[in-house]
Amino acid sequence: MPRKQSIPQHRMTSHSPHGIFMRNLKNEDFPPPENVSRPHRDDHFLFIFQECGENQLVVDSQTVNARGRKVLCILPGQVHHVTKFDPIDAWFVAVATTLVPEHVRTLLQQTAQPLQAADVNDRWAVKLNTAVSLLQLHLEDPSFTQDSFPMIKAATESVLSIFAAIYREQPVQAAAKEGRAAEITRKFKTLLQQQYRVVKSPAAYAAMLNVSPAYLNEVVSNTTGMPVSKWIHQEILLEAKRLLFYTEFTVREIAYELGYEDHTYFTRLFSKQEGISPSKYRLAR
């Protein structure tokens, strides 16, 4: 029997060393690269600001249309590909998960999935054009140094906050149209973001959602391609990386902050999942 091929994953590290990649796609860039015309996942968020034209994607088996001035966000792990690509003028901003503010992640992940393209009014269009232009100036500055990164991070957060504000103003997408599997997965992710420091058992999340552990794991795995335990570990390690990168907390202190009394267990978990110890990860930042 021929071996099944796994779904390709595009990694941020292949685009950018600092976790932010940006491209302004205009008419002359048509057609899109072949690799985005095949189903794939990203390990990062993808934010699209389309100023004109028409773009059609399939995201997690559902068609998403963007005609005219729209914004669109694709979340990490969502399987997607381009199916229609008429000449457009659009900004593509890819951002590592660790650099997406928590309020933006929470808003986007608790909304019915996949996210539909959202209308951009004149007021937001002016602000978004200004914000993406400033981010582009920072990213393309030939005199880039480590001191430049805080400015890039601030400019990125401004762009993403505008995306979130635009989505917040859209009519609520009815959860009933998601289907039971997508609704349970969305509720699990929302609970996980709120409880990961204290709740680390798949069975505990299943109990909070009034489903069996086996059913929750089956639903989440089928919807996202990852089991419940992997999502729990990913959320914990995401915060651990932030603390290692942005703070001077010791590994013991970080373990305690994340709900682990035994810091050696936390170190083993981090090392197993990331292939590098927390201390070495900090030195390599």
C-alpha atoms as a PDB file:
ATOM      1  CA  MET A   1       0.000   0.000   0.000  1.00  0.00           C
ATOM      2  CA  PRO A   2       1.464   3.409  -0.924  1.00  0.00           C
ATOM      3  CA  ARG A   3       2.422   5.606   2.012  1.00  0.00           C
ATOM      4  CA  LYS A   4       0.037   8.488   2.680  1.00  0.00           C
ATOM      5  CA  GLN A   5       1.600  11.904   2.387  1.00  0.00           C
ATOM      6  CA  SER A   6       1.243  14.271   5.321  1.00  0.00           C
ATOM      7  CA  ILE A   7      -0.103  17.787   4.820  1.00  0.00           C
ATOM      8  CA  PRO A   8       2.834  20.160   4.202  1.00  0.00           C
ATOM      9  CA  GLN A   9       3.516  22.792   6.853  1.00  0.00           C
ATOM     10  CA  HIS A  10       4.993  26.180   6.046  1.00  0.00           C
ATOM     11  CA  ARG A  11       7.237  27.367   8.871  1.00  0.00           C
ATOM     12  CA  MET A  12       7.938  30.933   9.865  1.00  0.00           C
ATOM     13  CA  THR A  13      11.652  30.158  10.220  1.00  0.00           C
ATOM     14  CA  SER A  14      11.884  29.713   6.449  1.00  0.00           C
ATOM     15  CA  HIS A  15      10.565  33.269   5.920  1.00  0.00           C
ATOM     16  CA  SER A  16      11.952  35.376   8.734  1.00  0.00           C
ATOM     17  CA  PRO A  17      14.475  35.102  11.590  1.00  0.00           C
ATOM     18  CA  HIS A  18      12.483  37.446  13.830  1.00  0.00           C
ATOM     19  CA  GLY A  19       8.973  36.022  13.382  1.00  0.00           C
ATOM     20  CA  ILE A  20       7.424  38.621  11.058  1.00  0.00           C
ATOM     21  CA  PHE A  21       7.205  38.423   7.271  1.00  0.00           C
ATOM     22  CA  MET A  22       5.401  40.874   5.023  1.00  0.00           C
ATOM     23  CA  ARG A  23       4.652  41.100   1.316  1.00  0.00           C
ATOM     24  CA  ASN A  24       2.716  43.583  -0.800  1.00  0.00           C
ATOM     25  CA  LEU A  25       1.205  41.665  -3.698  1.00  0.00           C
ATOM     26  CA  LYS A  26       0.101  43.676  -6.708  1.00  0.00           C
ATOM     27  CA  ASN A  27      -1.356  42.834 -10.095  1.00  0.00           C
ATOM     28  CA  GLU A  28       1.989  42.095 -11.682  1.00  0.00           C
ATOM     29  CA  ASP A  29       2.596  39.281  -9.193  1.00  0.00           C
ATOM     30  CA  PHE A  30      -0.277  37.204 -10.624  1.00  0.00           C
ATOM     31  CA  PRO A  31      -0.528  34.182 -10.525  1.00  0.00           C
ATOM     32  CA  PRO A  32       0.148  33.067  -6.915  1.00  0.00           C
ATOM     33  CA  PRO A  33       3.117  30.810  -6.092  1.00  0.00           C
ATOM     34  CA  GLU A  34       2.394  27.146  -6.706  1.00  0.00           C
ATOM     35  CA  ASN A  35       3.024  26.205  -3.071  1.00  0.00           C
ATOM     36  CA  VAL A  36      -0.021  28.179  -1.861  1.00  0.00           C
ATOM     37  CA  SER A  37      -2.240  26.546  -4.495  1.00  0.00           C
ATOM     38  CA  ARG A  38      -1.777  23.184  -2.742  1.00  0.00           C
ATOM     39  CA  PRO A  39      -3.352  22.388   0.657  1.00  0.00           C
ATOM     40  CA  HIS A  40      -0.948  23.193   3.490  1.00  0.00           C
ATOM     41  CA  ARG A  41      -0.777  24.411   7.074  1.00  0.00           C
ATOM     42  CA  ASP A  42       1.166  27.306   8.580  1.00  0.00           C
ATOM     43  CA  ASP A  43       2.791  27.306  12.012  1.00  0.00           C
ATOM     44  CA  HIS A  44       1.975  31.020  12.259  1.00  0.00           C
ATOM     45  CA  PHE A  45      -0.895  33.484  11.779  1.00  0.00           C
ATOM     46  CA  LEU A  46      -1.497  34.933   8.320  1.00  0.00           C
ATOM     47  CA  PHE A  47      -3.220  38.327   8.060  1.00  0.00           C
ATOM     48  CA  ILE A  48      -4.407  39.510   4.630  1.00  0.00           C
ATOM     49  CA  PHE A  49      -5.528  43.050   3.792  1.00  0.00           C
ATOM     50  CA  GLN A  50      -6.994  42.990   0.292  1.00  0.00           C
ATOM     51  CA  GLU A  51      -7.570  46.457  -1.152  1.00  0.00           C
ATOM     52  CA  CYS A  52      -9.179  45.341  -4.429  1.00  0.00           C
ATOM     53  CA  GLY A  53      -9.656  42.295  -6.643  1.00  0.00           C
ATOM     54  CA  GLU A  54     -10.993  38.841  -5.820  1.00  0.00           C
ATOM     55  CA  ASN A  55      -9.449  35.994  -3.887  1.00  0.00           C
ATOM     56  CA  GLN A  56     -10.961  32.587  -3.085  1.00  0.00           C
ATOM     57  CA  LEU A  57      -9.519  30.079  -0.644  1.00  0.00           C
ATOM     58  CA  VAL A  58     -10.524  26.775   0.855  1.00  0.00           C
ATOM     59  CA  VAL A  59      -9.897  26.796   4.617  1.00  0.00           C
ATOM     60  CA  ASP A  60     -10.489  23.558   6.528  1.00  0.00           C
ATOM     61  CA  SER A  61     -12.660  22.286   3.664  1.00  0.00           C
ATOM     62  CA  GLN A  62     -14.824  25.433   3.574  1.00  0.00           C
ATOM     63  CA  THR A  63     -14.747  28.027   0.802  1.00  0.00           C
ATOM     64  CA  VAL A  64     -13.880  31.585   1.815  1.00  0.00           C
ATOM     65  CA  ASN A  65     -14.469  34.377  -0.712  1.00  0.00           C
ATOM     66  CA  ALA A  66     -12.898  37.836  -0.601  1.00  0.00           C
ATOM     67  CA  ARG A  67     -14.127  40.344  -3.178  1.00  0.00           C
ATOM     68  CA  GLY A  68     -13.240  44.004  -2.960  1.00  0.00           C
ATOM     69  CA  ARG A  69     -11.749  45.606   0.144  1.00  0.00           C
ATOM     70  CA  LYS A  70     -11.512  42.923   2.825  1.00  0.00           C
ATOM     71  CA  VAL A  71      -9.399  41.557   5.628  1.00  0.00           C
ATOM     72  CA  LEU A  72      -8.908  37.868   6.280  1.00  0.00           C
ATOM     73  CA  CYS A  73      -7.031  35.861   8.888  1.00  0.00           C
ATOM     74  CA  ILE A  74      -5.859  32.262   8.702  1.00  0.00           C
ATOM     75  CA  LEU A  75      -4.971  30.628  12.011  1.00  0.00           C
ATOM     76  CA  PRO A  76      -2.026  28.306  12.718  1.00  0.00           C
ATOM     77  CA  GLY A  77      -2.848  24.702  11.860  1.00  0.00           C
ATOM     78  CA  GLN A  78      -5.731  25.476   9.483  1.00  0.00           C
ATOM     79  CA  VAL A  79      -5.396  23.587   6.202  1.00  0.00           C
ATOM     80  CA  HIS A  80      -5.854  26.020   3.327  1.00  0.00           C
ATOM     81  CA  HIS A  81      -5.064  26.731  -0.296  1.00  0.00           C
ATOM     82  CA  VAL A  82      -5.890  29.289  -2.987  1.00  0.00           C
ATOM     83  CA  THR A  83      -8.483  28.249  -5.585  1.00  0.00           C
ATOM     84  CA  LYS A  84      -9.136  31.562  -7.359  1.00  0.00           C
ATOM     85  CA  PHE A  85      -6.794  34.482  -7.669  1.00  0.00           C
ATOM     86  CA  ASP A  86      -7.900  37.331  -9.915  1.00  0.00           C
ATOM     87  CA  PRO A  87      -5.482  40.283 -10.060  1.00  0.00           C
ATOM     88  CA  ILE A  88      -5.471  41.878  -6.621  1.00  0.00           C
ATOM     89  CA  ASP A  89      -3.683  44.496  -4.569  1.00  0.00           C
ATOM     90  CA  ALA A  90      -3.122  43.045  -1.131  1.00  0.00           C
ATOM     91  CA  TRP A  91      -0.858  42.994   1.897  1.00  0.00           C
ATOM     92  CA  PHE A  92       0.139  39.658   3.415  1.00  0.00           C
ATOM     93  CA  VAL A  93       1.497  39.778   6.967  1.00  0.00           C
ATOM     94  CA  ALA A  94       2.682  36.496   8.512  1.00  0.00           C
ATOM     95  CA  VAL A  95       3.321  36.629  12.267  1.00  0.00           C
ATOM     96  CA  ALA A  96       4.729  34.004  14.633  1.00  0.00           C
ATOM     97  CA  THR A  97       2.204  32.919  17.253  1.00  0.00           C
ATOM     98  CA  THR A  98       4.370  34.219  20.095  1.00  0.00           C
ATOM     99  CA  LEU A  99       4.171  37.754  18.669  1.00  0.00           C
ATOM    100  CA  VAL A 100       0.369  37.882  18.338  1.00  0.00           C
ATOM    101  CA  PRO A 101      -1.129  39.738  21.342  1.00  0.00           C
ATOM    102  CA  GLU A 102      -3.305  37.555  23.543  1.00  0.00           C
ATOM    103  CA  HIS A 103      -6.427  39.689  23.027  1.00  0.00           C
ATOM    104  CA  VAL A 104      -6.087  39.270  19.256  1.00  0.00           C
ATOM    105  CA  ARG A 105      -5.560  35.503  19.510  1.00  0.00           C
ATOM    106  CA  THR A 106      -8.528  35.118  21.841  1.00  0.00           C
ATOM    107  CA  LEU A 107     -10.872  37.099  19.599  1.00  0.00           C
ATOM    108  CA  LEU A 108      -9.887  35.273  16.426  1.00  0.00           C
ATOM    109  CA  GLN A 109      -9.869  31.783  17.928  1.00  0.00           C
ATOM    110  CA  GLN A 110     -13.212  32.054  19.715  1.00  0.00           C
ATOM    111  CA  THR A 111     -15.027  33.177  16.556  1.00  0.00           C
ATOM    112  CA  ALA A 112     -16.764  30.660  14.295  1.00  0.00           C
ATOM    113  CA  GLN A 113     -14.197  28.939  12.093  1.00  0.00           C
ATOM    114  CA  PRO A 114     -12.992  29.395   9.496  1.00  0.00           C
ATOM    115  CA  LEU A 115     -13.059  33.166   9.670  1.00  0.00           C
ATOM    116  CA  GLN A 116     -14.852  34.757   6.746  1.00  0.00           C
ATOM    117  CA  ALA A 117     -13.474  37.790   4.939  1.00  0.00           C
ATOM    118  CA  ALA A 118     -14.526  40.976   6.745  1.00  0.00           C
ATOM    119  CA  ASP A 119     -15.516  44.289   5.149  1.00  0.00           C
ATOM    120  CA  VAL A 120     -13.187  47.265   5.669  1.00  0.00           C
ATOM    121  CA  ASN A 121     -14.827  50.684   5.789  1.00  0.00           C
ATOM    122  CA  ASP A 122     -13.095  53.918   4.775  1.00  0.00           C
ATOM    123  CA  ARG A 123     -12.148  54.788   8.358  1.00  0.00           C
ATOM    124  CA  TRP A 124     -10.375  51.495   9.003  1.00  0.00           C
ATOM    125  CA  ALA A 125      -8.839  51.433   5.517  1.00  0.00           C
ATOM    126  CA  VAL A 126      -6.961  54.686   6.201  1.00  0.00           C
ATOM    127  CA  LYS A 127      -5.679  53.413   9.548  1.00  0.00           C
ATOM    128  CA  LEU A 128      -4.720  49.998   8.195  1.00  0.00           C
ATOM    129  CA  ASN A 129      -2.893  51.438   5.184  1.00  0.00           C
ATOM    130  CA  THR A 130      -0.929  53.736   7.494  1.00  0.00           C
ATOM    131  CA  ALA A 131      -0.099  50.916   9.901  1.00  0.00           C
ATOM    132  CA  VAL A 132       1.063  48.418   7.255  1.00  0.00           C
ATOM    133  CA  SER A 133       3.122  51.089   5.501  1.00  0.00           C
ATOM    134  CA  LEU A 134       4.916  51.902   8.764  1.00  0.00           C
ATOM    135  CA  LEU A 135       5.566  48.205   9.411  1.00  0.00           C
ATOM    136  CA  GLN A 136       6.963  47.834   5.905  1.00  0.00           C
ATOM    137  CA  LEU A 137       9.326  50.778   6.485  1.00  0.00           C
ATOM    138  CA  HIS A 138      10.684  49.157   9.639  1.00  0.00           C
ATOM    139  CA  LEU A 139      11.089  45.715   8.046  1.00  0.00           C
ATOM    140  CA  GLU A 140      12.836  47.045   4.941  1.00  0.00           C
ATOM    141  CA  ASP A 141      15.194  49.364   6.828  1.00  0.00           C
ATOM    142  CA  PRO A 142      18.729  48.272   5.736  1.00  0.00           C
ATOM    143  CA  SER A 143      20.170  49.455   9.058  1.00  0.00           C
ATOM    144  CA  PHE A 144      18.209  46.829  11.012  1.00  0.00           C
ATOM    145  CA  THR A 145      19.684  46.039  14.428  1.00  0.00           C
ATOM    146  CA  GLN A 146      18.465  44.308  17.569  1.00  0.00           C
ATOM    147  CA  ASP A 147      17.368  47.731  18.802  1.00  0.00           C
ATOM    148  CA  SER A 148      14.996  47.918  15.829  1.00  0.00           C
ATOM    149  CA  PHE A 149      12.952  44.914  16.963  1.00  0.00           C
ATOM    150  CA  PRO A 150      10.871  46.721  19.642  1.00  0.00           C
ATOM    151  CA  MET A 151       9.729  49.193  16.960  1.00  0.00           C
ATOM    152  CA  ILE A 152       8.852  46.333  14.588  1.00  0.00           C
ATOM    153  CA  LYS A 153       6.974  44.533  17.357  1.00  0.00           C
ATOM    154  CA  ALA A 154       5.011  47.674  18.245  1.00  0.00           C
ATOM    155  CA  ALA A 155       4.142  48.332  14.587  1.00  0.00           C
ATOM    156  CA  THR A 156       3.046  44.705  14.171  1.00  0.00           C
ATOM    157  CA  GLU A 157       0.808  44.879  17.243  1.00  0.00           C
ATOM    158  CA  SER A 158      -0.786  48.028  15.816  1.00  0.00           C
ATOM    159  CA  VAL A 159      -1.601  46.244  12.534  1.00  0.00           C
ATOM    160  CA  LEU A 160      -3.017  43.194  14.326  1.00  0.00           C
ATOM    161  CA  SER A 161      -5.088  45.288  16.732  1.00  0.00           C
ATOM    162  CA  ILE A 162      -6.728  46.980  13.730  1.00  0.00           C
ATOM    163  CA  PHE A 163      -7.525  43.557  12.233  1.00  0.00           C
ATOM    164  CA  ALA A 164      -9.093  42.542  15.548  1.00  0.00           C
ATOM    165  CA  ALA A 165     -11.111  45.761  15.747  1.00  0.00           C
ATOM    166  CA  ILE A 166     -12.459  45.215  12.228  1.00  0.00           C
ATOM    167  CA  TYR A 167     -13.528  41.665  13.067  1.00  0.00           C
ATOM    168  CA  ARG A 168     -15.071  42.840  16.330  1.00  0.00           C
ATOM    169  CA  GLU A 169     -17.374  45.177  14.368  1.00  0.00           C
ATOM    170  CA  GLN A 170     -18.604  42.452  12.018  1.00  0.00           C
ATOM    171  CA  PRO A 171     -21.992  40.789  12.542  1.00  0.00           C
ATOM    172  CA  VAL A 172     -21.571  37.774  14.832  1.00  0.00           C
ATOM    173  CA  GLN A 173     -21.164  34.529  12.930  1.00  0.00           C
ATOM    174  CA  ALA A 174     -23.723  32.088  14.262  1.00  0.00           C
ATOM    175  CA  ALA A 175     -22.126  29.239  16.144  1.00  0.00           C
ATOM    176  CA  ALA A 176     -25.005  26.979  15.161  1.00  0.00           C
ATOM    177  CA  LYS A 177     -23.750  27.003  11.573  1.00  0.00           C
ATOM    178  CA  GLU A 178     -20.356  25.656  12.619  1.00  0.00           C
ATOM    179  CA  GLY A 179     -21.478  22.108  13.246  1.00  0.00           C
ATOM    180  CA  ARG A 180     -21.055  20.343  16.576  1.00  0.00           C
ATOM    181  CA  ALA A 181     -17.433  19.315  16.011  1.00  0.00           C
ATOM    182  CA  ALA A 182     -16.259  22.834  15.156  1.00  0.00           C
ATOM    183  CA  GLU A 183     -18.243  24.327  18.061  1.00  0.00           C
ATOM    184  CA  ILE A 184     -16.730  21.914  20.601  1.00  0.00           C
ATOM    185  CA  THR A 185     -13.243  22.537  19.230  1.00  0.00           C
ATOM    186  CA  ARG A 186     -13.727  26.305  19.478  1.00  0.00           C
ATOM    187  CA  LYS A 187     -15.006  26.036  23.051  1.00  0.00           C
ATOM    188  CA  PHE A 188     -12.075  23.776  23.985  1.00  0.00           C
ATOM    189  CA  LYS A 189      -9.552  26.288  22.615  1.00  0.00           C
ATOM    190  CA  THR A 190     -11.213  29.127  24.525  1.00  0.00           C
ATOM    191  CA  LEU A 191     -11.147  27.111  27.759  1.00  0.00           C
ATOM    192  CA  LEU A 192      -7.538  26.143  27.122  1.00  0.00           C
ATOM    193  CA  GLN A 193      -6.428  29.765  26.773  1.00  0.00           C
ATOM    194  CA  GLN A 194      -8.113  30.558  30.084  1.00  0.00           C
ATOM    195  CA  GLN A 195      -7.150  27.476  32.096  1.00  0.00           C
ATOM    196  CA  TYR A 196      -3.850  26.050  30.813  1.00  0.00           C
ATOM    197  CA  ARG A 197      -1.897  27.183  33.873  1.00  0.00           C
ATOM    198  CA  VAL A 198      -4.069  25.122  36.213  1.00  0.00           C
ATOM    199  CA  VAL A 199      -5.791  22.504  34.042  1.00  0.00           C
ATOM    200  CA  LYS A 200      -3.497  20.181  32.104  1.00  0.00           C
ATOM    201  CA  SER A 201      -5.576  17.009  31.804  1.00  0.00           C
ATOM    202  CA  PRO A 202      -7.550  16.228  28.623  1.00  0.00           C
ATOM    203  CA  ALA A 203     -10.139  14.506  30.803  1.00  0.00           C
ATOM    204  CA  ALA A 204     -10.663  17.704  32.814  1.00  0.00           C
ATOM    205  CA  TYR A 205     -11.387  19.725  29.657  1.00  0.00           C
ATOM    206  CA  ALA A 206     -13.767  17.009  28.469  1.00  0.00           C
ATOM    207  CA  ALA A 207     -15.626  17.204  31.786  1.00  0.00           C
ATOM    208  CA  MET A 208     -15.955  20.983  31.498  1.00  0.00           C
ATOM    209  CA  LEU A 209     -17.445  20.506  28.022  1.00  0.00           C
ATOM    210  CA  ASN A 210     -19.730  17.633  29.148  1.00  0.00           C
ATOM    211  CA  VAL A 211     -18.275  15.150  26.665  1.00  0.00           C
ATOM    212  CA  SER A 212     -16.137  12.039  27.082  1.00  0.00           C
ATOM    213  CA  PRO A 213     -12.330  12.344  26.833  1.00  0.00           C
ATOM    214  CA  ALA A 214     -12.299   9.989  23.850  1.00  0.00           C
ATOM    215  CA  TYR A 215     -14.931  12.024  21.998  1.00  0.00           C
ATOM    216  CA  LEU A 216     -13.188  15.335  22.703  1.00  0.00           C
ATOM    217  CA  ASN A 217      -9.886  13.945  21.467  1.00  0.00           C
ATOM    218  CA  GLU A 218     -11.500  12.544  18.313  1.00  0.00           C
ATOM    219  CA  VAL A 219     -13.289  15.813  17.533  1.00  0.00           C
ATOM    220  CA  VAL A 220     -10.263  18.044  18.141  1.00  0.00           C
ATOM    221  CA  SER A 221      -7.928  15.716  16.215  1.00  0.00           C
ATOM    222  CA  ASN A 222     -10.267  15.547  13.218  1.00  0.00           C
ATOM    223  CA  THR A 223     -10.867  19.308  13.209  1.00  0.00           C
ATOM    224  CA  THR A 224      -7.328  20.552  13.779  1.00  0.00           C
ATOM    225  CA  GLY A 225      -4.998  17.655  12.968  1.00  0.00           C
ATOM    226  CA  MET A 226      -3.633  17.622  16.546  1.00  0.00           C
ATOM    227  CA  PRO A 227      -4.832  15.709  19.651  1.00  0.00           C
ATOM    228  CA  VAL A 228      -5.983  17.461  22.820  1.00  0.00           C
ATOM    229  CA  SER A 229      -2.732  16.713  24.652  1.00  0.00           C
ATOM    230  CA  LYS A 230      -0.725  18.377  21.887  1.00  0.00           C
ATOM    231  CA  TRP A 231      -2.873  21.519  22.087  1.00  0.00           C
ATOM    232  CA  ILE A 232      -2.371  21.652  25.870  1.00  0.00           C
ATOM    233  CA  HIS A 233       1.387  21.267  25.544  1.00  0.00           C
ATOM    234  CA  GLN A 234       1.502  23.843  22.733  1.00  0.00           C
ATOM    235  CA  GLU A 235      -0.317  26.465  24.825  1.00  0.00           C
ATOM    236  CA  ILE A 236       1.976  25.854  27.820  1.00  0.00           C
ATOM    237  CA  LEU A 237       5.141  25.940  25.718  1.00  0.00           C
ATOM    238  CA  LEU A 238       4.004  29.051  23.882  1.00  0.00           C
ATOM    239  CA  GLU A 239       3.820  30.964  27.163  1.00  0.00           C
ATOM    240  CA  ALA A 240       7.082  29.376  28.339  1.00  0.00           C
ATOM    241  CA  LYS A 241       8.858  30.675  25.234  1.00  0.00           C
ATOM    242  CA  ARG A 242       7.480  34.152  25.827  1.00  0.00           C
ATOM    243  CA  LEU A 243       8.767  34.132  29.413  1.00  0.00           C
ATOM    244  CA  LEU A 244      12.150  32.769  28.361  1.00  0.00           C
ATOM    245  CA  PHE A 245      12.470  35.363  25.610  1.00  0.00           C
ATOM    246  CA  TYR A 246      11.043  38.478  27.203  1.00  0.00           C
ATOM    247  CA  THR A 247      11.763  38.058  30.936  1.00  0.00           C
ATOM    248  CA  GLU A 248      14.647  37.231  33.227  1.00  0.00           C
ATOM    249  CA  PHE A 249      12.662  34.666  35.213  1.00  0.00           C
ATOM    250  CA  THR A 250      14.631  31.540  36.060  1.00  0.00           C
ATOM    251  CA  VAL A 251      13.484  28.217  34.606  1.00  0.00           C
ATOM    252  CA  ARG A 252      12.263  27.276  38.101  1.00  0.00           C
ATOM    253  CA  GLU A 253      10.220  30.489  38.296  1.00  0.00           C
ATOM    254  CA  ILE A 254       8.775  29.944  34.828  1.00  0.00           C
ATOM    255  CA  ALA A 255       7.792  26.390  35.733  1.00  0.00           C
ATOM    256  CA  TYR A 256       5.997  27.683  38.836  1.00  0.00           C
ATOM    257  CA  GLU A 257       4.316  30.454  36.808  1.00  0.00           C
ATOM    258  CA  LEU A 258       2.947  27.776  34.456  1.00  0.00           C
ATOM    259  CA  GLY A 259       1.608  25.628  37.273  1.00  0.00           C
ATOM    260  CA  TYR A 260       4.435  23.130  37.765  1.00  0.00           C
ATOM    261  CA  GLU A 261       5.681  22.559  41.315  1.00  0.00           C
ATOM    262  CA  ASP A 262       8.400  20.255  39.954  1.00  0.00           C
ATOM    263  CA  HIS A 263      10.571  22.358  37.645  1.00  0.00           C
ATOM    264  CA  THR A 264      12.528  19.282  36.513  1.00  0.00           C
ATOM    265  CA  TYR A 265       9.316  17.822  35.062  1.00  0.00           C
ATOM    266  CA  PHE A 266       8.689  21.079  33.214  1.00  0.00           C
ATOM    267  CA  THR A 267      12.258  21.027  31.860  1.00  0.00           C
ATOM    268  CA  ARG A 268      11.836  17.456  30.612  1.00  0.00           C
ATOM    269  CA  LEU A 269       8.518  18.344  28.953  1.00  0.00           C
ATOM    270  CA  PHE A 270       9.972  21.419  27.244  1.00  0.00           C
ATOM    271  CA  SER A 271      13.060  19.513  26.074  1.00  0.00           C
ATOM    272  CA  LYS A 272      11.013  16.614  24.710  1.00  0.00           C
ATOM    273  CA  GLN A 273       8.572  18.812  22.814  1.00  0.00           C
ATOM    274  CA  GLU A 274      11.061  21.406  21.519  1.00  0.00           C
ATOM    275  CA  GLY A 275      14.220  19.316  21.124  1.00  0.00           C
ATOM    276  CA  ILE A 276      16.161  21.815  23.238  1.00  0.00           C
ATOM    277  CA  SER A 277      16.253  22.610  26.971  1.00  0.00           C
ATOM    278  CA  PRO A 278      14.693  25.850  28.295  1.00  0.00           C
ATOM    279  CA  SER A 279      18.122  27.189  29.240  1.00  0.00           C
ATOM    280  CA  LYS A 280      19.569  26.546  25.784  1.00  0.00           C
ATOM    281  CA  TYR A 281      16.470  28.027  24.152  1.00  0.00           C
ATOM    282  CA  ARG A 282      17.030  31.227  26.122  1.00  0.00           C
ATOM    283  CA  LEU A 283      20.691  31.395  25.123  1.00  0.00           C
ATOM    284  CA  ALA A 284      19.779  30.902  21.456  1.00  0.00           C
ATOM    285  CA  ARG A 285      17.197  33.716  21.366  1.00  0.00           C
END
